Amino acid sequence: MVGRRGKQKRRLELEPLEAVTVRNIYDLYLNGFGGRSAGMKSIATYLNRQAIMMRGRPWRIQKIDQILSNRVYIGEFYFNRTEYRTSKQKAASEWVKVDVPSIIDQDIFNRIAARRHARQPSQTPGQRLASPALLVGLMKCGDCGAGMTQATG
């Protein structure tokens, strides 16, 4: 389709092979490998070992993260998000929503978003101490300066 100024208009279209890979990524993150939950690193490693490339390049954690958080896969694409000259983001009220074919169901996307939020470091409690002795590693030997340890049994 040609626009007002004679330029070819671009449209988002569904690429069937890439859609299968995106669905596979969402399924792996949600259901994991044989019941075990899968993280972004294990999904990237799995795809690379299966020789499934991302447009000729190996998968990286950052790309898996982008795919899991991008709303375009549920059919929401927004045009006019940034200011042309300054590249600053415009107010959400100025964005133009364009309907595109969806690959992922809204419910699946919401479940993924909830799981990703729950896995954030700010949402998980700190590591528990493995040892009941509180001063392990804090006390030093007066002669050699080595860290003191606790011996049991």
Protein backbone atom coordinates (compact mmCIF):
# COMPACT_ATOMS: atom_id res chain seq x y z
CA MET A 1 0.00 0.00 0.00
CA VAL A 2 1.34 3.43 -0.93
CA GLY A 3 0.86 6.37 1.46
CA ARG A 4 0.10 10.06 0.80
CA ARG A 5 3.70 10.98 0.09
CA GLY A 6 4.33 8.14 -2.32
CA LYS A 7 6.18 6.00 0.26
CA GLN A 8 5.46 2.34 0.71
CA LYS A 9 3.55 1.81 3.98
CA ARG A 10 4.89 -0.89 6.25
CA ARG A 11 2.63 -3.40 7.96
CA LEU A 12 3.26 -5.97 10.64
CA GLU A 13 2.52 -9.43 9.30
CA LEU A 14 2.61 -12.79 10.96
CA GLU A 15 5.67 -14.88 10.08
CA PRO A 16 4.50 -18.50 10.63
CA LEU A 17 7.89 -20.02 11.54
CA GLU A 18 8.75 -17.23 13.96
CA ALA A 19 5.26 -17.41 15.49
CA VAL A 20 5.87 -21.08 16.34
CA THR A 21 9.13 -20.15 18.08
CA VAL A 22 7.43 -17.34 20.04
CA ARG A 23 4.67 -19.71 21.17
CA ASN A 24 7.36 -22.23 22.17
CA ILE A 25 9.18 -19.57 24.25
CA TYR A 26 5.98 -18.63 26.09
CA ASP A 27 5.14 -22.31 26.67
CA LEU A 28 8.62 -23.09 28.01
CA TYR A 29 8.55 -20.12 30.38
CA LEU A 30 5.10 -21.03 31.66
CA ASN A 31 5.34 -24.84 31.76
CA GLY A 32 9.08 -25.46 31.70
CA PHE A 33 10.86 -28.65 30.77
CA GLY A 34 8.96 -31.69 32.02
CA GLY A 35 7.31 -29.87 34.91
CA ARG A 36 10.40 -27.89 35.97
CA SER A 37 10.02 -24.15 35.52
CA ALA A 38 12.32 -22.64 32.91
CA GLY A 39 14.04 -19.29 33.15
CA MET A 40 15.16 -17.05 30.33
CA LYS A 41 18.72 -18.36 30.37
CA SER A 42 17.64 -22.00 30.13
CA ILE A 43 15.21 -21.16 27.30
CA ALA A 44 17.97 -19.39 25.33
CA THR A 45 20.32 -22.33 25.92
CA TYR A 46 17.64 -24.82 24.84
CA LEU A 47 16.85 -22.93 21.62
CA ASN A 48 20.54 -22.61 20.76
CA ARG A 49 21.15 -26.33 21.37
CA GLN A 50 18.18 -27.16 19.13
CA ALA A 51 19.81 -24.98 16.41
CA ILE A 52 16.78 -22.67 16.37
CA MET A 53 18.26 -19.32 15.45
CA MET A 54 16.82 -15.86 15.91
CA ARG A 55 17.13 -14.46 12.38
CA GLY A 56 20.51 -16.11 11.89
CA ARG A 57 21.89 -15.28 15.34
CA PRO A 58 21.99 -17.29 18.57
CA TRP A 59 19.41 -16.53 21.24
CA ARG A 60 20.34 -14.30 24.16
CA ILE A 61 18.64 -13.71 27.49
CA GLN A 62 17.83 -10.11 26.55
CA LYS A 63 15.90 -11.18 23.44
CA ILE A 64 13.90 -13.76 25.44
CA ASP A 65 13.11 -10.98 27.94
CA GLN A 66 11.95 -8.67 25.14
CA ILE A 67 9.71 -11.35 23.66
CA LEU A 68 8.13 -12.17 27.03
CA SER A 69 7.36 -8.52 27.75
CA ASN A 70 6.33 -7.23 24.30
CA ARG A 71 2.58 -6.67 23.99
CA VAL A 72 2.70 -6.92 20.19
CA TYR A 73 2.42 -10.70 20.59
CA ILE A 74 -1.09 -10.29 22.05
CA GLY A 75 -2.12 -8.05 19.15
CA GLU A 76 -1.33 -4.60 20.59
CA PHE A 77 1.00 -2.39 18.57
CA TYR A 78 1.30 1.34 19.19
CA PHE A 79 2.38 3.84 16.56
CA ASN A 80 3.47 7.44 17.23
CA ARG A 81 5.12 6.63 20.56
CA THR A 82 8.15 8.88 20.19
CA GLU A 83 8.71 12.47 19.17
CA TYR A 84 10.22 12.58 15.68
CA ARG A 85 12.93 15.19 16.28
CA THR A 86 13.88 14.55 19.92
CA SER A 87 13.23 10.77 20.12
CA LYS A 88 11.55 11.32 23.49
CA GLN A 89 8.53 9.24 24.40
CA LYS A 90 5.17 10.94 24.00
CA ALA A 91 2.29 10.76 26.46
CA ALA A 92 0.29 7.53 26.21
CA SER A 93 -2.79 9.50 25.16
CA GLU A 94 -1.03 10.44 21.90
CA TRP A 95 -0.18 6.86 20.91
CA VAL A 96 -2.14 5.30 18.07
CA LYS A 97 -3.15 1.69 18.61
CA VAL A 98 -2.91 -0.55 15.56
CA ASP A 99 -4.51 -3.98 15.65
CA VAL A 100 -2.14 -6.71 14.52
CA PRO A 101 -2.55 -10.50 14.44
CA SER A 102 -2.03 -11.99 17.90
CA ILE A 103 0.24 -14.95 18.54
CA ILE A 104 -0.31 -15.35 22.28
CA ASP A 105 -3.56 -15.37 24.26
CA GLN A 106 -4.12 -12.48 26.69
CA ASP A 107 -4.50 -14.90 29.63
CA ILE A 108 -1.14 -16.55 28.91
CA PHE A 109 0.53 -13.14 28.61
CA ASN A 110 -0.93 -12.07 31.97
CA ARG A 111 0.22 -15.29 33.66
CA ILE A 112 3.73 -14.77 32.27
CA ALA A 113 3.75 -11.15 33.49
CA ALA A 114 2.68 -12.26 36.98
CA ARG A 115 5.38 -14.94 37.10
CA ARG A 116 8.03 -12.49 35.89
CA HIS A 117 6.96 -9.98 38.55
CA ALA A 118 7.13 -12.66 41.26
CA ARG A 119 10.65 -13.65 40.14
CA GLN A 120 12.04 -10.13 40.33
CA PRO A 121 14.86 -9.79 42.87
CA SER A 122 12.94 -7.05 44.68
CA GLN A 123 10.04 -9.49 45.24
CA THR A 124 12.01 -12.50 46.51
CA PRO A 125 13.30 -12.75 50.07
CA GLY A 126 17.02 -12.70 50.69
CA GLN A 127 19.10 -15.85 50.95
CA ARG A 128 18.88 -17.65 54.27
CA LEU A 129 22.07 -18.40 56.08
CA ALA A 130 23.20 -21.97 55.55
CA SER A 131 24.95 -22.04 58.91
CA PRO A 132 23.40 -21.38 62.32
CA ALA A 133 26.72 -19.90 63.50
CA LEU A 134 26.43 -16.16 63.01
CA LEU A 135 30.09 -15.18 63.34
CA VAL A 136 31.53 -17.65 60.82
CA GLY A 137 33.93 -15.79 58.54
CA LEU A 138 33.90 -12.62 60.65
CA MET A 139 36.45 -13.64 63.26
CA LYS A 140 40.14 -13.63 62.28
CA CYS A 141 43.11 -15.43 63.75
CA GLY A 142 45.29 -13.08 65.80
CA ASP A 143 48.52 -14.71 64.58
CA CYS A 144 48.06 -15.34 60.83
CA GLY A 145 44.89 -13.33 59.98
CA ALA A 146 43.04 -16.30 58.45
CA GLY A 147 39.26 -16.46 58.79
CA MET A 148 38.05 -18.63 61.67
CA THR A 149 35.73 -21.55 60.91
CA GLN A 150 33.60 -23.79 63.09
CA ALA A 151 34.35 -27.50 63.34
CA THR A 152 31.61 -29.85 64.49
CA GLY A 153 31.48 -33.49 65.52
